[in-house]
Amino acid sequence: MRDFYSILGVKRDAGSDEIKAAWRTKAKSVHPDQNRDDPHAHNRFAEIGRAYEVLKDPAKRSRYDQQRMKVEALEREQTIMQQRQSAREAAEKAKQAKANAERVLEELARAEAEKAKADAAQAAQAEKARAERQQAAEAKTKAQADAGAKDATAETASATATNKTAASGATAGPASGPSATVGGTASGPEETVSRIFGDSPEAAAAAESLRREQEAAELQEGIPLKPPASPLLAPIELFSSLVRRLRGAPPPLPEKAPDIFADAVVAIADLLEQKSVSITLNDGREVRVPLIGVTEGHVVRLKGQGLKFQGLQRGDVAVTIKVLRADRFAVDQFDIRTVLPITLENAVLGCETQVEGPDGTMVPVTVPAWSNSDQVIRIDELGLPNSEGGRGALVVELRVMLWEKPDEKVTDLMRLMREGLYI
């Protein structure tokens, strides 16, 4: 609704004379004869005439003022409603922004907690390895100290036995030579076992096995074992080893060093071919990871290829398998999933079609009649090889797709099915 007061340029409480004078002034300035080059002069002149026609008549002016007040009240109400709506939208946006910020903060806190947990686990693992190395060093130092004490005792016993042999002199005879004394030359495993257990075949076999175990231990990792500190200790060690072997108790194994954890990112083709892949560890070493019977999330353990510390059994390398995301295929345990788009008529009537397999070959697929989206068709023995000698399945998920351009016949048919037939 146009504001006639503004058109004439007067206030709302202006009198009749003021309104008439304003009309004359405006009419002269916008008269078409005075503004022949202005194509809108006639419209402005007519608008000024309508404003003056209403405002000069008290009855028409009163009705106009009432209508104007109603319009202004409506406009104010609409403005208030718009402001309220804007306020609600702003509050909703602020609420959404706050929720997003809280979610981001939660994700950051969760990530920081997981990182702190991983750092703590790594620190604990390093501390454990350090403590194990320190215990091994202390045990080694104690063993050396005990061996030194035993050496001193053995030397004292050897000196006493030598003095007794010299005192007995001629009465000892040939049997009192170095081979019969405790402090003489060390005997081999066969002689020691023979003296302790006699000359039975079982004792000889045990002595031979013991000798081979000692040689194998000396050759392990190219580090020779130290010989006994004193000849007196050799029979004791041989006797202890022989007792353990006769009882069937295995020798104590050293503690194991911590494992190394790594990830191997592989493609679906690698899992299908079951070939090994190379990964580089944090220490720069490159190892081969076999992919036989594994899938997403499996852990392949490489025995004896982890950390190596003196006095500890070598650790392992634990490799977690992660599968690369492909455009057309996804891994679900040992199954391989793919999507097959079908048209509406093929979904209703069924059809024979083909889908590309993970190895690039085309696989025939039978789509049953009246098929829905998200319905799956399993094709066995086309998935990933498992550890039991079998294979998973190729899971084909159907997707009903409409045509790119609307079809009038299909549209009419759908309208008929929804609204019924009208004559």
Protein backbone atom coordinates (compact mmCIF):
# COMPACT_ATOMS: atom_id res chain seq x y z
CA MET A 1 0.00 0.00 0.00
CA ARG A 2 1.52 3.28 -1.14
CA ASP A 3 2.03 6.09 1.39
CA PHE A 4 0.15 9.08 -0.03
CA TYR A 5 1.61 11.44 2.59
CA SER A 6 5.13 10.54 1.45
CA ILE A 7 4.13 10.97 -2.19
CA LEU A 8 2.95 14.54 -1.52
CA GLY A 9 5.77 15.20 0.92
CA VAL A 10 3.62 16.20 3.93
CA LYS A 11 3.19 15.00 7.48
CA ARG A 12 0.29 12.87 8.60
CA ASP A 13 -1.27 15.67 10.62
CA ALA A 14 -1.07 18.18 7.75
CA GLY A 15 -4.12 20.32 7.09
CA SER A 16 -6.13 20.67 3.88
CA ASP A 17 -4.38 23.84 2.77
CA GLU A 18 -0.95 22.36 3.29
CA ILE A 19 -1.96 19.22 1.35
CA LYS A 20 -3.36 21.34 -1.51
CA ALA A 21 -0.22 23.49 -1.71
CA ALA A 22 1.99 20.42 -1.71
CA TRP A 23 -0.08 18.87 -4.52
CA ARG A 24 0.25 21.97 -6.71
CA THR A 25 3.98 22.13 -6.23
CA LYS A 26 4.43 18.42 -6.98
CA ALA A 27 2.07 18.54 -9.98
CA LYS A 28 4.01 21.39 -11.60
CA SER A 29 7.36 19.63 -11.13
CA VAL A 30 6.27 16.27 -12.55
CA HIS A 31 3.75 17.39 -15.19
CA PRO A 32 4.29 15.47 -18.44
CA ASP A 33 4.44 18.69 -20.46
CA GLN A 34 7.39 19.81 -18.36
CA ASN A 35 9.12 16.37 -18.54
CA ARG A 36 8.63 15.20 -22.11
CA ASP A 37 11.92 13.32 -22.10
CA ASP A 38 10.91 11.29 -19.04
CA PRO A 39 8.79 8.24 -20.01
CA HIS A 40 7.64 7.82 -16.37
CA ALA A 41 6.44 11.40 -15.87
CA HIS A 42 2.84 10.54 -16.70
CA ASN A 43 2.74 7.73 -14.10
CA ARG A 44 4.19 9.96 -11.38
CA PHE A 45 1.69 12.72 -12.22
CA ALA A 46 -1.21 10.28 -12.02
CA GLU A 47 0.08 8.91 -8.67
CA ILE A 48 0.24 12.43 -7.21
CA GLY A 49 -3.34 13.04 -8.43
CA ARG A 50 -4.60 9.85 -6.70
CA ALA A 51 -2.87 10.85 -3.46
CA TYR A 52 -4.41 14.31 -3.53
CA GLU A 53 -7.85 12.88 -4.44
CA VAL A 54 -7.83 10.75 -1.29
CA LEU A 55 -6.27 13.18 1.17
CA LYS A 56 -8.37 16.23 0.26
CA ASP A 57 -11.60 14.42 1.17
CA PRO A 58 -11.93 13.98 4.97
CA ALA A 59 -14.01 10.78 4.67
CA LYS A 60 -11.66 9.15 2.18
CA ARG A 61 -8.67 10.32 4.23
CA SER A 62 -10.15 8.77 7.38
CA ARG A 63 -10.78 5.42 5.66
CA TYR A 64 -7.26 5.58 4.18
CA ASP A 65 -5.71 6.28 7.57
CA GLN A 66 -7.56 3.31 9.09
CA GLN A 67 -6.46 0.99 6.33
CA ARG A 68 -2.96 2.38 6.56
CA MET A 69 -2.89 1.69 10.31
CA LYS A 70 -4.05 -1.88 9.74
CA VAL A 71 -1.39 -2.42 7.09
CA GLU A 72 1.30 -0.97 9.31
CA ALA A 73 0.16 -3.16 12.20
CA LEU A 74 0.26 -6.20 9.92
CA GLU A 75 3.69 -5.23 8.69
CA ARG A 76 4.91 -4.80 12.25
CA GLU A 77 3.49 -8.22 13.15
CA GLN A 78 5.18 -9.76 10.14
CA THR A 79 8.42 -8.04 11.05
CA ILE A 80 8.18 -9.38 14.59
CA MET A 81 7.45 -12.87 13.28
CA GLN A 82 10.37 -12.62 10.91
CA GLN A 83 12.61 -11.47 13.72
CA ARG A 84 11.44 -14.34 15.91
CA GLN A 85 11.99 -16.78 13.06
CA SER A 86 15.46 -15.35 12.48
CA ALA A 87 16.16 -15.63 16.21
CA ARG A 88 15.00 -19.27 16.22
CA GLU A 89 17.12 -20.05 13.18
CA ALA A 90 20.11 -18.31 14.75
CA ALA A 91 19.58 -20.25 17.98
CA GLU A 92 19.28 -23.50 16.03
CA LYS A 93 22.46 -22.70 14.10
CA ALA A 94 24.23 -21.81 17.33
CA LYS A 95 23.02 -25.05 18.90
CA GLN A 96 24.20 -27.02 15.88
CA ALA A 97 27.53 -25.20 15.89
CA LYS A 98 27.91 -25.91 19.60
CA ALA A 99 27.09 -29.59 19.05
CA ASN A 100 29.60 -29.75 16.20
CA ALA A 101 32.22 -28.06 18.36
CA GLU A 102 31.54 -30.47 21.22
CA ARG A 103 31.76 -33.41 18.85
CA VAL A 104 35.06 -32.12 17.47
CA LEU A 105 36.37 -31.61 21.00
CA GLU A 106 35.28 -35.14 21.93
CA GLU A 107 37.05 -36.54 18.89
CA LEU A 108 40.17 -34.56 19.75
CA ALA A 109 40.01 -35.73 23.38
CA ARG A 110 39.50 -39.32 22.26
CA ALA A 111 42.42 -39.06 19.84
CA GLU A 112 44.63 -37.53 22.53
CA ALA A 113 43.59 -40.25 25.00
CA GLU A 114 44.37 -42.98 22.48
CA LYS A 115 47.72 -41.35 21.71
CA ALA A 116 48.50 -41.03 25.42
CA LYS A 117 47.52 -44.65 25.93
CA ALA A 118 49.74 -45.75 23.05
CA ASP A 119 52.61 -43.63 24.37
CA ALA A 120 52.14 -45.09 27.84
CA ALA A 121 52.09 -48.63 26.45
CA GLN A 122 55.21 -47.93 24.43
CA ALA A 123 56.92 -46.39 27.46
CA ALA A 124 55.89 -49.35 29.61
CA GLN A 125 57.20 -51.74 26.97
CA ALA A 126 60.50 -49.86 26.80
CA GLU A 127 60.71 -49.79 30.61
CA LYS A 128 60.04 -53.52 30.73
CA ALA A 129 62.77 -54.17 28.17
CA ARG A 130 65.17 -51.95 30.12
CA ALA A 131 64.31 -53.75 33.38
CA GLU A 132 64.78 -57.13 31.70
CA ARG A 133 68.15 -56.04 30.33
CA GLN A 134 69.15 -54.76 33.77
CA GLN A 135 68.05 -58.05 35.40
CA ALA A 136 69.99 -60.00 32.80
CA ALA A 137 73.09 -57.87 33.47
CA GLU A 138 72.72 -58.31 37.22
CA ALA A 139 72.26 -62.06 36.81
CA LYS A 140 75.35 -62.20 34.61
CA THR A 141 77.38 -60.21 37.18
CA LYS A 142 76.17 -62.48 39.99
CA ALA A 143 77.02 -65.58 37.96
CA GLN A 144 80.52 -64.25 37.32
CA ALA A 145 80.93 -63.48 41.03
CA ASP A 146 79.74 -66.97 41.97
CA ALA A 147 82.10 -68.50 39.41
CA GLY A 148 85.02 -66.53 40.90
CA ALA A 149 84.18 -67.76 44.38
CA LYS A 150 83.97 -71.33 43.12
CA ASP A 151 87.33 -70.91 41.37
CA ALA A 152 88.94 -69.87 44.64
CA THR A 153 87.41 -72.84 46.46
CA ALA A 154 88.51 -75.19 43.69
CA GLU A 155 92.06 -73.87 43.78
CA THR A 156 92.21 -74.38 47.59
CA ALA A 157 90.86 -77.92 47.22
CA SER A 158 93.39 -78.64 44.44
CA ALA A 159 96.28 -77.45 46.57
CA THR A 160 95.17 -79.62 49.50
CA ALA A 161 94.83 -82.68 47.23
CA THR A 162 98.32 -82.07 45.79
CA ASN A 163 99.87 -81.90 49.26
CA LYS A 164 98.19 -85.16 50.22
CA THR A 165 99.44 -86.84 47.07
CA ALA A 166 103.00 -85.69 47.73
CA ALA A 167 102.81 -86.95 51.32
CA SER A 168 101.54 -90.38 50.31
CA GLY A 169 104.36 -90.61 47.64
CA ALA A 170 105.35 -94.18 46.94
CA THR A 171 102.32 -95.79 48.59
CA ALA A 172 99.94 -94.27 45.99
CA GLY A 173 101.51 -96.07 43.04
CA PRO A 174 100.59 -95.54 39.44
CA ALA A 175 96.92 -94.99 40.24
CA SER A 176 97.64 -91.63 41.91
CA GLY A 177 98.45 -89.81 38.61
CA PRO A 178 96.78 -86.64 37.37
CA SER A 179 93.83 -88.48 35.86
CA ALA A 180 92.83 -89.83 39.27
CA THR A 181 92.95 -86.51 41.13
CA VAL A 182 90.12 -84.04 41.34
CA GLY A 183 92.37 -81.10 40.53
CA GLY A 184 93.89 -82.71 37.41
CA THR A 185 92.96 -82.32 33.75
CA ALA A 186 89.23 -81.99 33.10
CA SER A 187 87.58 -85.14 31.83
CA GLY A 188 85.19 -85.20 28.88
CA PRO A 189 81.47 -85.96 29.10
CA GLU A 190 81.97 -89.67 28.41
CA GLU A 191 84.54 -90.11 31.22
CA THR A 192 82.47 -88.11 33.72
CA VAL A 193 79.26 -90.04 32.99
CA SER A 194 81.17 -93.33 33.08
CA ARG A 195 82.58 -92.56 36.51
CA ILE A 196 79.18 -91.53 37.87
CA PHE A 197 76.79 -94.03 36.24
CA GLY A 198 79.08 -96.86 35.07
CA ASP A 199 79.66 -98.19 31.56
CA SER A 200 76.04 -98.99 30.63
CA PRO A 201 74.86 -98.30 27.01
CA GLU A 202 72.20 -95.88 28.34
CA ALA A 203 74.85 -93.80 30.10
CA ALA A 204 77.04 -93.73 26.99
CA ALA A 205 74.11 -92.59 24.83
CA ALA A 206 73.23 -89.89 27.34
CA ALA A 207 76.83 -88.68 27.40
CA GLU A 208 76.96 -88.51 23.61
CA SER A 209 73.68 -86.57 23.49
CA LEU A 210 74.96 -84.21 26.18
CA ARG A 211 78.16 -83.57 24.24
CA ARG A 212 76.17 -82.71 21.08
CA GLU A 213 73.93 -80.34 23.02
CA GLN A 214 76.99 -78.52 24.32
CA GLU A 215 78.42 -78.18 20.81
CA ALA A 216 75.08 -76.91 19.47
CA ALA A 217 74.84 -74.39 22.30
CA GLU A 218 78.35 -73.15 21.55
CA LEU A 219 77.49 -72.62 17.90
CA GLN A 220 74.15 -70.84 18.58
CA GLU A 221 74.21 -67.36 16.95
CA GLY A 222 78.01 -67.65 16.64
CA ILE A 223 78.61 -66.92 20.36
CA PRO A 224 80.76 -69.58 22.08
CA LEU A 225 79.85 -70.48 25.62
CA LYS A 226 82.45 -69.89 28.33
CA PRO A 227 84.18 -73.06 29.61
CA PRO A 228 83.78 -73.92 33.27
CA ALA A 229 85.85 -71.67 35.50
CA SER A 230 87.34 -74.69 37.31
CA PRO A 231 87.76 -78.41 36.53
CA LEU A 232 85.77 -79.14 39.67
CA LEU A 233 82.67 -77.50 38.15
CA ALA A 234 82.63 -79.61 34.97
CA PRO A 235 81.38 -82.85 36.56
CA ILE A 236 78.75 -80.91 38.51
CA GLU A 237 77.40 -79.17 35.37
CA LEU A 238 77.47 -82.41 33.39
CA PHE A 239 75.72 -84.24 36.18
CA SER A 240 72.98 -81.56 36.40
CA SER A 241 72.45 -81.55 32.61
CA LEU A 242 72.31 -85.36 32.55
CA VAL A 243 69.76 -85.48 35.37
CA ARG A 244 67.57 -82.95 33.53
CA ARG A 245 67.78 -85.01 30.35
CA LEU A 246 66.99 -88.32 32.08
CA ARG A 247 63.99 -86.69 33.78
CA GLY A 248 62.76 -85.23 30.45
CA ALA A 249 62.86 -81.64 31.71
CA PRO A 250 63.88 -79.15 28.97
CA PRO A 251 66.61 -76.65 29.77
CA PRO A 252 65.32 -73.25 30.92
CA LEU A 253 64.80 -70.80 28.03
CA PRO A 254 65.76 -67.14 28.32
CA GLU A 255 63.01 -64.53 28.52
CA LYS A 256 61.67 -63.13 25.26
CA ALA A 257 62.38 -59.60 24.04
CA PRO A 258 59.40 -57.30 23.27
CA ASP A 259 57.67 -57.68 19.90
CA ILE A 260 57.64 -55.11 17.09
CA PHE A 261 54.20 -54.04 15.84
CA ALA A 262 53.64 -52.83 12.26
CA ASP A 263 50.90 -52.51 9.60
CA ALA A 264 50.85 -53.92 6.07
CA VAL A 265 48.55 -52.13 3.61
CA VAL A 266 47.72 -54.54 0.77
CA ALA A 267 45.38 -54.63 -2.21
CA ILE A 268 42.61 -57.15 -2.81
CA ALA A 269 44.66 -58.57 -5.70
CA ASP A 270 47.51 -59.34 -3.27
CA LEU A 271 45.15 -61.30 -1.02
CA LEU A 272 43.77 -63.21 -4.01
CA GLU A 273 47.25 -64.13 -5.25
CA GLN A 274 48.42 -64.89 -1.68
CA LYS A 275 51.86 -63.51 -2.44
CA SER A 276 54.22 -61.98 0.09
CA VAL A 277 54.61 -58.22 0.43
CA SER A 278 57.54 -56.23 1.78
CA ILE A 279 57.24 -53.73 4.62
CA THR A 280 59.87 -51.53 6.25
CA LEU A 281 60.12 -51.55 10.04
CA ASN A 282 60.93 -48.56 12.22
CA ASP A 283 64.56 -49.66 12.52
CA GLY A 284 64.96 -49.58 8.72
CA ARG A 285 64.87 -53.34 8.18
CA GLU A 286 62.74 -54.76 5.37
CA VAL A 287 60.80 -57.96 6.01
CA ARG A 288 58.50 -60.11 3.86
CA VAL A 289 54.96 -60.74 5.11
CA PRO A 290 53.15 -63.84 3.76
CA LEU A 291 49.46 -63.39 2.87
CA ILE A 292 48.26 -66.99 3.07
CA GLY A 293 44.73 -67.29 4.43
CA VAL A 294 44.52 -63.75 5.84
CA THR A 295 42.11 -60.84 5.46
CA GLU A 296 41.37 -57.41 6.93
CA GLY A 297 42.44 -57.17 10.59
CA HIS A 298 44.41 -60.42 10.76
CA VAL A 299 47.80 -60.36 12.52
CA VAL A 300 50.72 -62.18 10.88
CA ARG A 301 53.47 -63.05 13.38
CA LEU A 302 57.03 -63.31 12.05
CA LYS A 303 58.88 -65.50 14.56
CA GLY A 304 62.34 -64.42 15.67
CA GLN A 305 62.51 -61.26 13.52
CA GLY A 306 61.88 -58.71 16.26
CA LEU A 307 64.14 -57.00 18.78
CA LYS A 308 67.39 -58.65 19.84
CA PHE A 309 68.99 -58.08 23.25
CA GLN A 310 71.86 -59.87 24.91
CA GLY A 311 70.62 -62.54 27.29
CA LEU A 312 67.05 -62.46 25.91
CA GLN A 313 65.28 -64.61 23.36
CA ARG A 314 64.66 -62.66 20.16
CA GLY A 315 61.18 -61.18 19.82
CA ASP A 316 58.69 -61.40 16.95
CA VAL A 317 57.24 -58.95 14.42
CA ALA A 318 53.42 -58.69 14.64
CA VAL A 319 52.01 -57.31 11.36
CA THR A 320 48.34 -56.21 11.14
CA ILE A 321 46.81 -56.60 7.67
CA LYS A 322 44.90 -53.59 6.30
CA VAL A 323 43.17 -53.72 2.90
CA LEU A 324 43.18 -50.76 0.52
CA ARG A 325 39.75 -49.33 -0.27
CA ALA A 326 38.72 -50.02 -3.87
CA ASP A 327 36.10 -48.18 -5.94
CA ARG A 328 34.03 -51.22 -6.84
CA PHE A 329 34.89 -53.82 -4.19
CA ALA A 330 34.94 -54.07 -0.41
CA VAL A 331 36.28 -56.83 1.84
CA ASP A 332 33.96 -58.38 4.44
CA GLN A 333 35.94 -61.09 6.28
CA PHE A 334 36.73 -63.50 3.42
CA ASP A 335 33.81 -62.27 1.24
CA ILE A 336 34.20 -59.60 -1.46
CA ARG A 337 31.20 -57.27 -1.87
CA THR A 338 30.24 -55.34 -5.01
CA VAL A 339 27.17 -53.41 -6.27
CA LEU A 340 25.15 -54.28 -9.41
CA PRO A 341 22.82 -51.52 -10.75
CA ILE A 342 19.61 -52.84 -12.41
CA THR A 343 16.70 -51.08 -14.04
CA LEU A 344 13.15 -51.07 -12.73
CA GLU A 345 11.84 -53.50 -15.35
CA ASN A 346 14.67 -55.97 -14.68
CA ALA A 347 14.00 -55.75 -10.94
CA VAL A 348 10.33 -56.58 -11.51
CA LEU A 349 10.67 -59.19 -14.25
CA GLY A 350 14.14 -60.59 -13.45
CA CYS A 351 17.00 -60.96 -15.93
CA GLU A 352 20.29 -62.60 -16.81
CA THR A 353 23.25 -60.21 -16.61
CA GLN A 354 26.95 -60.06 -15.75
CA VAL A 355 29.06 -58.43 -13.07
CA GLU A 356 32.80 -57.82 -13.01
CA GLY A 357 34.67 -60.09 -10.61
CA PRO A 358 37.63 -59.04 -8.44
CA ASP A 359 40.05 -60.65 -10.91
CA GLY A 360 38.66 -58.66 -13.86
CA THR A 361 36.61 -61.46 -15.42
CA MET A 362 32.86 -61.14 -16.08
CA VAL A 363 30.72 -63.36 -13.87
CA PRO A 364 27.16 -64.32 -14.96
CA VAL A 365 24.43 -63.34 -12.49
CA THR A 366 20.77 -64.35 -12.41
CA VAL A 367 18.55 -61.60 -10.99
CA PRO A 368 15.32 -63.14 -9.70
CA ALA A 369 11.97 -61.52 -10.48
CA TRP A 370 10.61 -58.95 -8.05
CA SER A 371 14.02 -58.06 -6.57
CA ASN A 372 14.50 -55.15 -4.18
CA SER A 373 17.40 -52.81 -3.63
CA ASP A 374 19.92 -54.05 -1.04
CA GLN A 375 19.03 -57.64 -1.92
CA VAL A 376 22.21 -59.73 -2.23
CA ILE A 377 23.22 -62.62 -4.46
CA ARG A 378 26.08 -64.83 -3.20
CA ILE A 379 28.42 -66.49 -5.68
CA ASP A 380 30.54 -69.03 -3.81
CA GLU A 381 34.28 -69.66 -4.24
CA LEU A 382 34.97 -66.22 -5.74
CA GLY A 383 36.07 -64.51 -2.52
CA LEU A 384 39.37 -64.52 -0.63
CA PRO A 385 41.21 -67.80 0.18
CA ASN A 386 40.96 -68.75 3.84
CA SER A 387 43.28 -70.76 6.07
CA GLU A 388 41.17 -73.93 5.72
CA GLY A 389 41.74 -74.31 1.99
CA GLY A 390 38.39 -72.84 0.95
CA ARG A 391 37.35 -69.42 -0.31
CA GLY A 392 34.76 -66.83 0.55
CA ALA A 393 31.98 -65.65 -1.74
CA LEU A 394 31.44 -62.78 -4.15
CA VAL A 395 28.47 -60.92 -2.63
CA VAL A 396 26.53 -58.95 -5.28
CA GLU A 397 24.29 -56.22 -3.83
CA LEU A 398 21.45 -55.09 -6.13
CA ARG A 399 20.64 -51.41 -6.68
CA VAL A 400 17.39 -50.51 -8.52
CA MET A 401 18.09 -47.46 -10.72
CA LEU A 402 15.62 -45.32 -12.70
CA TRP A 403 16.29 -44.10 -16.22
CA GLU A 404 18.15 -40.86 -16.79
CA LYS A 405 15.09 -39.30 -18.49
CA PRO A 406 11.48 -39.68 -17.27
CA ASP A 407 9.34 -42.20 -19.15
CA GLU A 408 5.69 -41.22 -19.66
CA LYS A 409 4.41 -44.79 -19.78
CA VAL A 410 6.07 -45.69 -16.49
CA THR A 411 4.87 -42.43 -14.96
CA ASP A 412 1.27 -43.14 -16.03
CA LEU A 413 1.51 -46.68 -14.73
CA MET A 414 2.80 -45.51 -11.35
CA ARG A 415 0.07 -42.86 -11.16
CA LEU A 416 -2.55 -45.50 -12.00
CA MET A 417 -1.22 -47.79 -9.29
CA ARG A 418 -1.20 -45.00 -6.72
CA GLU A 419 -4.42 -43.15 -7.55
CA GLY A 420 -6.48 -45.79 -9.34
CA LEU A 421 -8.32 -45.63 -12.69
CA TYR A 422 -10.71 -42.73 -13.19
CA ILE A 423 -13.27 -42.62 -16.06
